Every structure is written in C-alpha cells, then in structure tokens.
Amino acid sequence: MTETPETILLTILLRHDQTNDLDAIQSKLKAADWWERFPPEGCEIVSWVVAMGLGQIVTLRLPSSMLATVNVELERSAWGVFRTECYPAYDFVPVREKIRERVRAGGQ
C-alpha cells in the first residue's frame, strides 16, 4: 500500500499488563482470535517491535476510513491483555523536502 492523502499511519502502543505472565497473555490473545483479527484486512503492518519493559509498538498504514475498524478490533481483542495507546500520524518526509526546498530558495 502506498501513502496517499487518504492514508494515515497509526502507531499503537500495546503496553504489557505485568499482572499476567506470558502464558496467560498468549491464552487470552488466542481466545480473542487476536492473531487472525488484528490488524484488520486492508491495513499494512509497517513495523511491529517489542520494547522490553514497555510492550509492543505497532505501526500500521491504513486508509483513514478504517480508523474506526482498527479501534473496534483493539477493543474486541486487545483490551484485557494490553493497555492501548494510539497515535495517528502522517509521513513528514515529503513535507520536510518541500520546506527544505522553499528555505533554500530564500523562503521560510
């Protein structure tokens, strides 16, 4: 999926619930069908990393119209396992390049 004006990036922090051990977490995720349901079809996984002591950090690229669908899937299958935080964003690289060229040309 390529970035378009209708496409957003969504970074999701899945903070570990340290009252559960790994076996309990995996059991709850399996029961919620997490591995099949998340992310919903139509989303691209840009990155998915584990940060020790924090949890998992997932970045998705998706059509902005799918934001509510992702939210529902998090509510359905991640709650009770993770504390979630979501940060919608956009790719700043093209904007930065335009600003850089404008500044080089004497603008602000």
PDB file of N, CA and C in Angstrom:
ATOM      1  N   MET A   1       0.858  -1.170   0.000  1.00  0.00           N
ATOM      2  CA  MET A   1       0.000   0.000   0.000  1.00  0.00           C
ATOM      3  C   MET A   1       0.903   1.231   0.000  1.00  0.00           C
ATOM      4  N   THR A   2       0.670   2.139  -0.907  1.00  0.00           N
ATOM      5  CA  THR A   2       1.459   3.367  -0.943  1.00  0.00           C
ATOM      6  C   THR A   2       0.707   4.470  -0.214  1.00  0.00           C
ATOM      7  N   GLU A   3       1.465   5.434   0.257  1.00  0.00           N
ATOM      8  CA  GLU A   3       0.887   6.549   1.013  1.00  0.00           C
ATOM      9  C   GLU A   3       0.146   7.482   0.054  1.00  0.00           C
ATOM     10  N   THR A   4      -1.077   7.828   0.419  1.00  0.00           N
ATOM     11  CA  THR A   4      -1.883   8.779  -0.333  1.00  0.00           C
ATOM     12  C   THR A   4      -2.453   9.776   0.672  1.00  0.00           C
ATOM     13  N   PRO A   5      -3.068  10.859   0.194  1.00  0.00           N
ATOM     14  CA  PRO A   5      -3.665  11.802   1.145  1.00  0.00           C
ATOM     15  C   PRO A   5      -4.732  11.155   2.030  1.00  0.00           C
ATOM     16  N   GLU A   6      -5.336  10.079   1.558  1.00  0.00           N
ATOM     17  CA  GLU A   6      -6.366   9.394   2.334  1.00  0.00           C
ATOM     18  C   GLU A   6      -5.785   8.326   3.255  1.00  0.00           C
ATOM     19  N   THR A   7      -4.474   8.153   3.236  1.00  0.00           N
ATOM     20  CA  THR A   7      -3.803   7.122   4.023  1.00  0.00           C
ATOM     21  C   THR A   7      -3.131   7.751   5.237  1.00  0.00           C
ATOM     22  N   ILE A   8      -3.243   7.069   6.376  1.00  0.00           N
ATOM     23  CA  ILE A   8      -2.583   7.553   7.587  1.00  0.00           C
ATOM     24  C   ILE A   8      -1.672   6.469   8.138  1.00  0.00           C
ATOM     25  N   LEU A   9      -0.787   6.885   8.994  1.00  0.00           N
ATOM     26  CA  LEU A   9      -0.001   5.964   9.795  1.00  0.00           C
ATOM     27  C   LEU A   9      -0.623   5.961  11.184  1.00  0.00           C
ATOM     28  N   LEU A  10      -0.655   4.810  11.809  1.00  0.00           N
ATOM     29  CA  LEU A  10      -1.194   4.705  13.149  1.00  0.00           C
ATOM     30  C   LEU A  10      -0.210   3.905  13.988  1.00  0.00           C
ATOM     31  N   THR A  11       0.361   4.560  14.994  1.00  0.00           N
ATOM     32  CA  THR A  11       1.247   3.871  15.924  1.00  0.00           C
ATOM     33  C   THR A  11       0.434   3.505  17.152  1.00  0.00           C
ATOM     34  N   ILE A  12       0.507   2.231  17.508  1.00  0.00           N
ATOM     35  CA  ILE A  12      -0.260   1.701  18.629  1.00  0.00           C
ATOM     36  C   ILE A  12       0.708   1.137  19.649  1.00  0.00           C
ATOM     37  N   LEU A  13       0.624   1.629  20.875  1.00  0.00           N
ATOM     38  CA  LEU A  13       1.394   1.042  21.971  1.00  0.00           C
ATOM     39  C   LEU A  13       0.508   0.013  22.645  1.00  0.00           C
ATOM     40  N   LEU A  14       1.000  -1.203  22.687  1.00  0.00           N
ATOM     41  CA  LEU A  14       0.321  -2.287  23.389  1.00  0.00           C
ATOM     42  C   LEU A  14       1.145  -2.533  24.645  1.00  0.00           C
ATOM     43  N   ARG A  15       0.790  -1.844  25.704  1.00  0.00           N
ATOM     44  CA  ARG A  15       1.565  -1.920  26.948  1.00  0.00           C
ATOM     45  C   ARG A  15       1.251  -3.227  27.665  1.00  0.00           C
ATOM     46  N   HIS A  16       2.308  -3.904  28.049  1.00  0.00           N
ATOM     47  CA  HIS A  16       2.146  -5.174  28.754  1.00  0.00           C
ATOM     48  C   HIS A  16       1.443  -4.984  30.092  1.00  0.00           C
ATOM     49  N   ASP A  17       0.525  -5.873  30.395  1.00  0.00           N
ATOM     50  CA  ASP A  17      -0.113  -5.936  31.702  1.00  0.00           C
ATOM     51  C   ASP A  17       0.741  -6.888  32.534  1.00  0.00           C
ATOM     52  N   GLN A  18       1.545  -6.337  33.430  1.00  0.00           N
ATOM     53  CA  GLN A  18       2.506  -7.157  34.156  1.00  0.00           C
ATOM     54  C   GLN A  18       1.864  -7.969  35.279  1.00  0.00           C
ATOM     55  N   THR A  19       0.525  -7.918  35.403  1.00  0.00           N
ATOM     56  CA  THR A  19      -0.140  -8.819  36.341  1.00  0.00           C
ATOM     57  C   THR A  19      -0.381 -10.183  35.691  1.00  0.00           C
ATOM     58  N   ASN A  20      -0.153 -10.272  34.379  1.00  0.00           N
ATOM     59  CA  ASN A  20      -0.280 -11.532  33.643  1.00  0.00           C
ATOM     60  C   ASN A  20       1.094 -11.995  33.188  1.00  0.00           C
ATOM     61  N   ASP A  21       1.336 -13.301  33.253  1.00  0.00           N
ATOM     62  CA  ASP A  21       2.569 -13.827  32.684  1.00  0.00           C
ATOM     63  C   ASP A  21       2.350 -14.124  31.200  1.00  0.00           C
ATOM     64  N   LEU A  22       3.406 -14.499  30.519  1.00  0.00           N
ATOM     65  CA  LEU A  22       3.338 -14.700  29.070  1.00  0.00           C
ATOM     66  C   LEU A  22       2.318 -15.767  28.690  1.00  0.00           C
ATOM     67  N   ASP A  23       2.250 -16.852  29.452  1.00  0.00           N
ATOM     68  CA  ASP A  23       1.282 -17.902  29.126  1.00  0.00           C
ATOM     69  C   ASP A  23      -0.149 -17.382  29.220  1.00  0.00           C
ATOM     70  N   ALA A  24      -0.449 -16.577  30.240  1.00  0.00           N
ATOM     71  CA  ALA A  24      -1.796 -16.010  30.385  1.00  0.00           C
ATOM     72  C   ALA A  24      -2.097 -15.047  29.246  1.00  0.00           C
ATOM     73  N   ILE A  25      -1.118 -14.242  28.882  1.00  0.00           N
ATOM     74  CA  ILE A  25      -1.298 -13.290  27.783  1.00  0.00           C
ATOM     75  C   ILE A  25      -1.589 -14.040  26.487  1.00  0.00           C
ATOM     76  N   GLN A  26      -0.766 -15.046  26.179  1.00  0.00           N
ATOM     77  CA  GLN A  26      -0.952 -15.807  24.935  1.00  0.00           C
ATOM     78  C   GLN A  26      -2.304 -16.510  24.916  1.00  0.00           C
ATOM     79  N   SER A  27      -2.728 -17.030  26.066  1.00  0.00           N
ATOM     80  CA  SER A  27      -4.017 -17.708  26.154  1.00  0.00           C
ATOM     81  C   SER A  27      -5.163 -16.741  25.861  1.00  0.00           C
ATOM     82  N   LYS A  28      -5.103 -15.545  26.421  1.00  0.00           N
ATOM     83  CA  LYS A  28      -6.146 -14.538  26.190  1.00  0.00           C
ATOM     84  C   LYS A  28      -6.160 -14.081  24.731  1.00  0.00           C
ATOM     85  N   LEU A  29      -4.971 -13.899  24.147  1.00  0.00           N
ATOM     86  CA  LEU A  29      -4.897 -13.489  22.740  1.00  0.00           C
ATOM     87  C   LEU A  29      -5.483 -14.562  21.839  1.00  0.00           C
ATOM     88  N   LYS A  30      -5.174 -15.820  22.128  1.00  0.00           N
ATOM     89  CA  LYS A  30      -5.718 -16.926  21.333  1.00  0.00           C
ATOM     90  C   LYS A  30      -7.237 -16.970  21.450  1.00  0.00           C
ATOM     91  N   ALA A  31      -7.752 -16.837  22.660  1.00  0.00           N
ATOM     92  CA  ALA A  31      -9.199 -16.870  22.882  1.00  0.00           C
ATOM     93  C   ALA A  31      -9.909 -15.738  22.140  1.00  0.00           C
ATOM     94  N   ALA A  32      -9.247 -14.598  22.004  1.00  0.00           N
ATOM     95  CA  ALA A  32      -9.827 -13.444  21.303  1.00  0.00           C
ATOM     96  C   ALA A  32      -9.585 -13.503  19.798  1.00  0.00           C
ATOM     97  N   ASP A  33      -8.893 -14.559  19.328  1.00  0.00           N
ATOM     98  CA  ASP A  33      -8.550 -14.722  17.909  1.00  0.00           C
ATOM     99  C   ASP A  33      -7.709 -13.549  17.389  1.00  0.00           C
ATOM    100  N   TRP A  34      -6.893 -12.991  18.291  1.00  0.00           N
ATOM    101  CA  TRP A  34      -6.043 -11.829  18.012  1.00  0.00           C
ATOM    102  C   TRP A  34      -5.196 -11.994  16.760  1.00  0.00           C
ATOM    103  N   TRP A  35      -4.554 -13.127  16.636  1.00  0.00           N
ATOM    104  CA  TRP A  35      -3.583 -13.308  15.558  1.00  0.00           C
ATOM    105  C   TRP A  35      -4.245 -13.377  14.184  1.00  0.00           C
ATOM    106  N   GLU A  36      -5.528 -13.661  14.140  1.00  0.00           N
ATOM    107  CA  GLU A  36      -6.260 -13.662  12.870  1.00  0.00           C
ATOM    108  C   GLU A  36      -6.986 -12.338  12.633  1.00  0.00           C
ATOM    109  N   ARG A  37      -7.407 -11.679  13.691  1.00  0.00           N
ATOM    110  CA  ARG A  37      -8.254 -10.487  13.562  1.00  0.00           C
ATOM    111  C   ARG A  37      -7.469  -9.185  13.487  1.00  0.00           C
ATOM    112  N   PHE A  38      -6.244  -9.175  14.005  1.00  0.00           N
ATOM    113  CA  PHE A  38      -5.506  -7.915  14.075  1.00  0.00           C
ATOM    114  C   PHE A  38      -4.174  -8.015  13.352  1.00  0.00           C
ATOM    115  N   PRO A  39      -3.865  -7.044  12.502  1.00  0.00           N
ATOM    116  CA  PRO A  39      -4.710  -5.916  12.133  1.00  0.00           C
ATOM    117  C   PRO A  39      -5.786  -6.350  11.138  1.00  0.00           C
ATOM    118  N   PRO A  40      -6.859  -5.585  11.044  1.00  0.00           N
ATOM    119  CA  PRO A  40      -7.921  -5.934  10.100  1.00  0.00           C
ATOM    120  C   PRO A  40      -7.411  -5.909   8.656  1.00  0.00           C
ATOM    121  N   GLU A  41      -8.061  -6.672   7.812  1.00  0.00           N
ATOM    122  CA  GLU A  41      -7.721  -6.682   6.391  1.00  0.00           C
ATOM    123  C   GLU A  41      -7.835  -5.271   5.834  1.00  0.00           C
ATOM    124  N   GLY A  42      -6.867  -4.879   5.025  1.00  0.00           N
ATOM    125  CA  GLY A  42      -6.827  -3.538   4.463  1.00  0.00           C
ATOM    126  C   GLY A  42      -5.789  -2.648   5.121  1.00  0.00           C
ATOM    127  N   CYS A  43      -5.194  -3.151   6.230  1.00  0.00           N
ATOM    128  CA  CYS A  43      -4.118  -2.435   6.915  1.00  0.00           C
ATOM    129  C   CYS A  43      -2.787  -3.079   6.554  1.00  0.00           C
ATOM    130  N   GLU A  44      -1.776  -2.288   6.440  1.00  0.00           N
ATOM    131  CA  GLU A  44      -0.418  -2.782   6.198  1.00  0.00           C
ATOM    132  C   GLU A  44       0.398  -2.600   7.476  1.00  0.00           C
ATOM    133  N   ILE A  45       1.081  -3.654   7.890  1.00  0.00           N
ATOM    134  CA  ILE A  45       1.988  -3.549   9.034  1.00  0.00           C
ATOM    135  C   ILE A  45       3.281  -2.914   8.537  1.00  0.00           C
ATOM    136  N   VAL A  46       3.589  -1.726   9.044  1.00  0.00           N
ATOM    137  CA  VAL A  46       4.836  -1.037   8.698  1.00  0.00           C
ATOM    138  C   VAL A  46       5.952  -1.555   9.597  1.00  0.00           C
ATOM    139  N   SER A  47       5.655  -1.687  10.895  1.00  0.00           N
ATOM    140  CA  SER A  47       6.623  -2.261  11.828  1.00  0.00           C
ATOM    141  C   SER A  47       5.867  -2.805  13.036  1.00  0.00           C
ATOM    142  N   TRP A  48       6.503  -3.772  13.686  1.00  0.00           N
ATOM    143  CA  TRP A  48       5.925  -4.362  14.898  1.00  0.00           C
ATOM    144  C   TRP A  48       7.113  -4.818  15.724  1.00  0.00           C
ATOM    145  N   VAL A  49       7.397  -4.083  16.787  1.00  0.00           N
ATOM    146  CA  VAL A  49       8.564  -4.379  17.612  1.00  0.00           C
ATOM    147  C   VAL A  49       8.144  -4.568  19.061  1.00  0.00           C
ATOM    148  N   VAL A  50       8.969  -5.293  19.792  1.00  0.00           N
ATOM    149  CA  VAL A  50       8.789  -5.456  21.230  1.00  0.00           C
ATOM    150  C   VAL A  50       9.844  -4.618  21.923  1.00  0.00           C
ATOM    151  N   ALA A  51       9.398  -3.766  22.840  1.00  0.00           N
ATOM    152  CA  ALA A  51      10.303  -2.956  23.650  1.00  0.00           C
ATOM    153  C   ALA A  51      10.244  -3.523  25.069  1.00  0.00           C
ATOM    154  N   MET A  52      11.333  -4.118  25.500  1.00  0.00           N
ATOM    155  CA  MET A  52      11.356  -4.756  26.820  1.00  0.00           C
ATOM    156  C   MET A  52      10.946  -3.763  27.895  1.00  0.00           C
ATOM    157  N   GLY A  53      10.080  -4.203  28.788  1.00  0.00           N
ATOM    158  CA  GLY A  53       9.608  -3.366  29.878  1.00  0.00           C
ATOM    159  C   GLY A  53       8.472  -2.437  29.491  1.00  0.00           C
ATOM    160  N   LEU A  54       8.170  -2.316  28.213  1.00  0.00           N
ATOM    161  CA  LEU A  54       7.114  -1.429  27.738  1.00  0.00           C
ATOM    162  C   LEU A  54       5.976  -2.242  27.122  1.00  0.00           C
ATOM    163  N   GLY A  55       6.305  -2.989  26.102  1.00  0.00           N
ATOM    164  CA  GLY A  55       5.298  -3.768  25.391  1.00  0.00           C
ATOM    165  C   GLY A  55       5.607  -3.801  23.913  1.00  0.00           C
ATOM    166  N   GLN A  56       4.563  -3.884  23.125  1.00  0.00           N
ATOM    167  CA  GLN A  56       4.711  -3.951  21.678  1.00  0.00           C
ATOM    168  C   GLN A  56       4.339  -2.607  21.072  1.00  0.00           C
ATOM    169  N   ILE A  57       5.085  -2.235  20.037  1.00  0.00           N
ATOM    170  CA  ILE A  57       4.833  -0.978  19.328  1.00  0.00           C
ATOM    171  C   ILE A  57       4.542  -1.355  17.878  1.00  0.00           C
ATOM    172  N   VAL A  58       3.311  -1.097  17.463  1.00  0.00           N
ATOM    173  CA  VAL A  58       2.852  -1.474  16.132  1.00  0.00           C
ATOM    174  C   VAL A  58       2.596  -0.203  15.336  1.00  0.00           C
ATOM    175  N   THR A  59       3.122  -0.133  14.128  1.00  0.00           N
ATOM    176  CA  THR A  59       2.790   0.970  13.227  1.00  0.00           C
ATOM    177  C   THR A  59       2.112   0.383  12.003  1.00  0.00           C
ATOM    178  N   LEU A  60       0.916   0.891  11.733  1.00  0.00           N
ATOM    179  CA  LEU A  60       0.123   0.455  10.589  1.00  0.00           C
ATOM    180  C   LEU A  60      -0.019   1.592   9.599  1.00  0.00           C
ATOM    181  N   ARG A  61      -0.148   1.241   8.330  1.00  0.00           N
ATOM    182  CA  ARG A  61      -0.538   2.197   7.286  1.00  0.00           C
ATOM    183  C   ARG A  61      -1.925   1.745   6.844  1.00  0.00           C
ATOM    184  N   LEU A  62      -2.879   2.682   6.827  1.00  0.00           N
ATOM    185  CA  LEU A  62      -4.244   2.300   6.512  1.00  0.00           C
ATOM    186  C   LEU A  62      -5.007   3.475   5.926  1.00  0.00           C
ATOM    187  N   PRO A  63      -6.064   3.182   5.193  1.00  0.00           N
ATOM    188  CA  PRO A  63      -6.935   4.269   4.749  1.00  0.00           C
ATOM    189  C   PRO A  63      -7.568   4.920   5.975  1.00  0.00           C
ATOM    190  N   SER A  64      -7.658   6.229   5.981  1.00  0.00           N
ATOM    191  CA  SER A  64      -8.214   6.916   7.149  1.00  0.00           C
ATOM    192  C   SER A  64      -9.630   6.437   7.464  1.00  0.00           C
ATOM    193  N   SER A  65     -10.341   5.971   6.473  1.00  0.00           N
ATOM    194  CA  SER A  65     -11.702   5.475   6.684  1.00  0.00           C
ATOM    195  C   SER A  65     -11.741   4.205   7.532  1.00  0.00           C
ATOM    196  N   MET A  66     -10.590   3.544   7.720  1.00  0.00           N
ATOM    197  CA  MET A  66     -10.534   2.306   8.513  1.00  0.00           C
ATOM    198  C   MET A  66     -10.177   2.535   9.978  1.00  0.00           C
ATOM    199  N   LEU A  67      -9.991   3.777  10.382  1.00  0.00           N
ATOM    200  CA  LEU A  67      -9.574   4.055  11.758  1.00  0.00           C
ATOM    201  C   LEU A  67     -10.556   3.459  12.773  1.00  0.00           C
ATOM    202  N   ALA A  68     -11.834   3.621  12.537  1.00  0.00           N
ATOM    203  CA  ALA A  68     -12.833   3.080  13.465  1.00  0.00           C
ATOM    204  C   ALA A  68     -12.784   1.557  13.506  1.00  0.00           C
ATOM    205  N   THR A  69     -12.526   0.915  12.374  1.00  0.00           N
ATOM    206  CA  THR A  69     -12.429  -0.548  12.320  1.00  0.00           C
ATOM    207  C   THR A  69     -11.262  -1.043  13.160  1.00  0.00           C
ATOM    208  N   VAL A  70     -10.124  -0.368  13.074  1.00  0.00           N
ATOM    209  CA  VAL A  70      -8.962  -0.736  13.884  1.00  0.00           C
ATOM    210  C   VAL A  70      -9.299  -0.551  15.359  1.00  0.00           C
ATOM    211  N   ASN A  71      -9.954   0.541  15.695  1.00  0.00           N
ATOM    212  CA  ASN A  71     -10.330   0.794  17.083  1.00  0.00           C
ATOM    213  C   ASN A  71     -11.220  -0.328  17.624  1.00  0.00           C
ATOM    214  N   VAL A  72     -12.207  -0.743  16.848  1.00  0.00           N
ATOM    215  CA  VAL A  72     -13.107  -1.809  17.289  1.00  0.00           C
ATOM    216  C   VAL A  72     -12.335  -3.113  17.497  1.00  0.00           C
ATOM    217  N   GLU A  73     -11.407  -3.421  16.617  1.00  0.00           N
ATOM    218  CA  GLU A  73     -10.624  -4.657  16.777  1.00  0.00           C
ATOM    219  C   GLU A  73      -9.750  -4.599  18.026  1.00  0.00           C
ATOM    220  N   LEU A  74      -9.193  -3.430  18.321  1.00  0.00           N
ATOM    221  CA  LEU A  74      -8.427  -3.296  19.564  1.00  0.00           C
ATOM    222  C   LEU A  74      -9.335  -3.514  20.771  1.00  0.00           C
ATOM    223  N   GLU A  75     -10.505  -2.900  20.753  1.00  0.00           N
ATOM    224  CA  GLU A  75     -11.445  -3.067  21.861  1.00  0.00           C
ATOM    225  C   GLU A  75     -11.874  -4.524  22.002  1.00  0.00           C
ATOM    226  N   ARG A  76     -12.084  -5.184  20.883  1.00  0.00           N
ATOM    227  CA  ARG A  76     -12.577  -6.552  20.877  1.00  0.00           C
ATOM    228  C   ARG A  76     -11.514  -7.562  21.324  1.00  0.00           C
ATOM    229  N   SER A  77     -10.275  -7.355  20.915  1.00  0.00           N
ATOM    230  CA  SER A  77      -9.300  -8.427  21.126  1.00  0.00           C
ATOM    231  C   SER A  77      -8.051  -8.055  21.913  1.00  0.00           C
ATOM    232  N   ALA A  78      -7.803  -6.776  22.148  1.00  0.00           N
ATOM    233  CA  ALA A  78      -6.588  -6.398  22.892  1.00  0.00           C
ATOM    234  C   ALA A  78      -6.885  -6.002  24.327  1.00  0.00           C
ATOM    235  N   TRP A  79      -8.065  -5.439  24.550  1.00  0.00           N
ATOM    236  CA  TRP A  79      -8.404  -4.996  25.905  1.00  0.00           C
ATOM    237  C   TRP A  79      -8.476  -6.198  26.830  1.00  0.00           C
ATOM    238  N   GLY A  80      -7.976  -6.030  28.014  1.00  0.00           N
ATOM    239  CA  GLY A  80      -7.894  -7.129  28.964  1.00  0.00           C
ATOM    240  C   GLY A  80      -6.570  -7.852  28.887  1.00  0.00           C
ATOM    241  N   VAL A  81      -5.812  -7.560  27.818  1.00  0.00           N
ATOM    242  CA  VAL A  81      -4.472  -8.123  27.649  1.00  0.00           C
ATOM    243  C   VAL A  81      -3.435  -7.005  27.682  1.00  0.00           C
ATOM    244  N   PHE A  82      -3.733  -5.934  26.960  1.00  0.00           N
ATOM    245  CA  PHE A  82      -2.842  -4.786  26.860  1.00  0.00           C
ATOM    246  C   PHE A  82      -3.583  -3.517  27.263  1.00  0.00           C
ATOM    247  N   ARG A  83      -2.827  -2.532  27.731  1.00  0.00           N
ATOM    248  CA  ARG A  83      -3.319  -1.155  27.778  1.00  0.00           C
ATOM    249  C   ARG A  83      -2.921  -0.554  26.440  1.00  0.00           C
ATOM    250  N   THR A  84      -3.849   0.072  25.754  1.00  0.00           N
ATOM    251  CA  THR A  84      -3.554   0.562  24.409  1.00  0.00           C
ATOM    252  C   THR A  84      -3.470   2.085  24.380  1.00  0.00           C
ATOM    253  N   GLU A  85      -2.566   2.565  23.556  1.00  0.00           N
ATOM    254  CA  GLU A  85      -2.452   3.989  23.245  1.00  0.00           C
ATOM    255  C   GLU A  85      -2.297   4.082  21.732  1.00  0.00           C
ATOM    256  N   CYS A  86      -3.015   5.003  21.114  1.00  0.00           N
ATOM    257  CA  CYS A  86      -2.989   5.141  19.659  1.00  0.00           C
ATOM    258  C   CYS A  86      -2.578   6.550  19.252  1.00  0.00           C
ATOM    259  N   TYR A  87      -1.725   6.622  18.258  1.00  0.00           N
ATOM    260  CA  TYR A  87      -1.207   7.898  17.786  1.00  0.00           C
ATOM    261  C   TYR A  87      -1.285   7.961  16.264  1.00  0.00           C
ATOM    262  N   PRO A  88      -2.352   8.582  15.714  1.00  0.00           N
ATOM    263  CA  PRO A  88      -2.413   8.754  14.263  1.00  0.00           C
ATOM    264  C   PRO A  88      -1.350   9.757  13.824  1.00  0.00           C
ATOM    265  N   ALA A  89      -0.789   9.517  12.656  1.00  0.00           N
ATOM    266  CA  ALA A  89       0.300  10.361  12.167  1.00  0.00           C
ATOM    267  C   ALA A  89       0.290  10.371  10.638  1.00  0.00           C
ATOM    268  N   TYR A  90       1.224  11.102  10.074  1.00  0.00           N
ATOM    269  CA  TYR A  90       1.405  11.103   8.628  1.00  0.00           C
ATOM    270  C   TYR A  90       2.890  11.151   8.331  1.00  0.00           C
ATOM    271  N   ASP A  91       3.230  10.791   7.114  1.00  0.00           N
ATOM    272  CA  ASP A  91       4.627  10.769   6.684  1.00  0.00           C
ATOM    273  C   ASP A  91       5.088  12.212   6.463  1.00  0.00           C
ATOM    274  N   PHE A  92       6.051  12.664   7.257  1.00  0.00           N
ATOM    275  CA  PHE A  92       6.523  14.038   7.196  1.00  0.00           C
ATOM    276  C   PHE A  92       7.629  14.240   6.155  1.00  0.00           C
ATOM    277  N   VAL A  93       8.223  13.169   5.645  1.00  0.00           N
ATOM    278  CA  VAL A  93       9.362  13.298   4.725  1.00  0.00           C
ATOM    279  C   VAL A  93       9.020  14.171   3.511  1.00  0.00           C
ATOM    280  N   PRO A  94       7.905  13.954   2.801  1.00  0.00           N
ATOM    281  CA  PRO A  94       7.615  14.830   1.650  1.00  0.00           C
ATOM    282  C   PRO A  94       7.415  16.294   2.059  1.00  0.00           C
ATOM    283  N   VAL A  95       6.802  16.523   3.208  1.00  0.00           N
ATOM    284  CA  VAL A  95       6.601  17.889   3.704  1.00  0.00           C
ATOM    285  C   VAL A  95       7.945  18.524   4.008  1.00  0.00           C
ATOM    286  N   ARG A  96       8.820  17.768   4.674  1.00  0.00           N
ATOM    287  CA  ARG A  96      10.156  18.267   5.007  1.00  0.00           C
ATOM    288  C   ARG A  96      10.911  18.670   3.757  1.00  0.00           C
ATOM    289  N   GLU A  97      10.820  17.855   2.715  1.00  0.00           N
ATOM    290  CA  GLU A  97      11.535  18.160   1.473  1.00  0.00           C
ATOM    291  C   GLU A  97      11.014  19.447   0.834  1.00  0.00           C
ATOM    292  N   LYS A  98       9.702  19.655   0.870  1.00  0.00           N
ATOM    293  CA  LYS A  98       9.140  20.898   0.325  1.00  0.00           C
ATOM    294  C   LYS A  98       9.624  22.103   1.117  1.00  0.00           C
ATOM    295  N   ILE A  99       9.647  21.992   2.437  1.00  0.00           N
ATOM    296  CA  ILE A  99      10.126  23.090   3.289  1.00  0.00           C
ATOM    297  C   ILE A  99      11.598  23.351   3.014  1.00  0.00           C
ATOM    298  N   ARG A 100      12.365  22.300   2.913  1.00  0.00           N
ATOM    299  CA  ARG A 100      13.807  22.432   2.652  1.00  0.00           C
ATOM    300  C   ARG A 100      14.058  23.190   1.344  1.00  0.00           C
ATOM    301  N   GLU A 101      13.321  22.815   0.307  1.00  0.00           N
ATOM    302  CA  GLU A 101      13.490  23.485  -0.990  1.00  0.00           C
ATOM    303  C   GLU A 101      13.047  24.949  -0.900  1.00  0.00           C
ATOM    304  N   ARG A 102      11.974  25.204  -0.179  1.00  0.00           N
ATOM    305  CA  ARG A 102      11.486  26.578  -0.027  1.00  0.00           C
ATOM    306  C   ARG A 102      12.532  27.424   0.714  1.00  0.00           C
ATOM    307  N   VAL A 103      13.135  26.875   1.775  1.00  0.00           N
ATOM    308  CA  VAL A 103      14.157  27.592   2.552  1.00  0.00           C
ATOM    309  C   VAL A 103      15.391  27.835   1.686  1.00  0.00           C
ATOM    310  N   ARG A 104      15.780  26.835   0.903  1.00  0.00           N
ATOM    311  CA  ARG A 104      16.945  27.008   0.017  1.00  0.00           C
ATOM    312  C   ARG A 104      16.721  28.116  -1.004  1.00  0.00           C
ATOM    313  N   ALA A 105      15.439  28.298  -1.369  1.00  0.00           N
ATOM    314  CA  ALA A 105      15.094  29.336  -2.345  1.00  0.00           C
ATOM    315  C   ALA A 105      14.918  30.703  -1.674  1.00  0.00           C
ATOM    316  N   GLY A 106      15.176  30.794  -0.379  1.00  0.00           N
ATOM    317  CA  GLY A 106      15.109  32.066   0.327  1.00  0.00           C
ATOM    318  C   GLY A 106      13.830  32.288   1.110  1.00  0.00           C
ATOM    319  N   GLY A 107      12.929  31.344   1.075  1.00  0.00           N
ATOM    320  CA  GLY A 107      11.674  31.478   1.813  1.00  0.00           C
ATOM    321  C   GLY A 107      11.815  30.963   3.245  1.00  0.00           C
ATOM    322  N   GLN A 108      10.684  30.847   3.882  1.00  0.00           N
ATOM    323  CA  GLN A 108      10.680  30.342   5.270  1.00  0.00           C
ATOM    324  C   GLN A 108      10.150  28.948   5.332  1.00  0.00           C
TER     325      GLN A 108
END
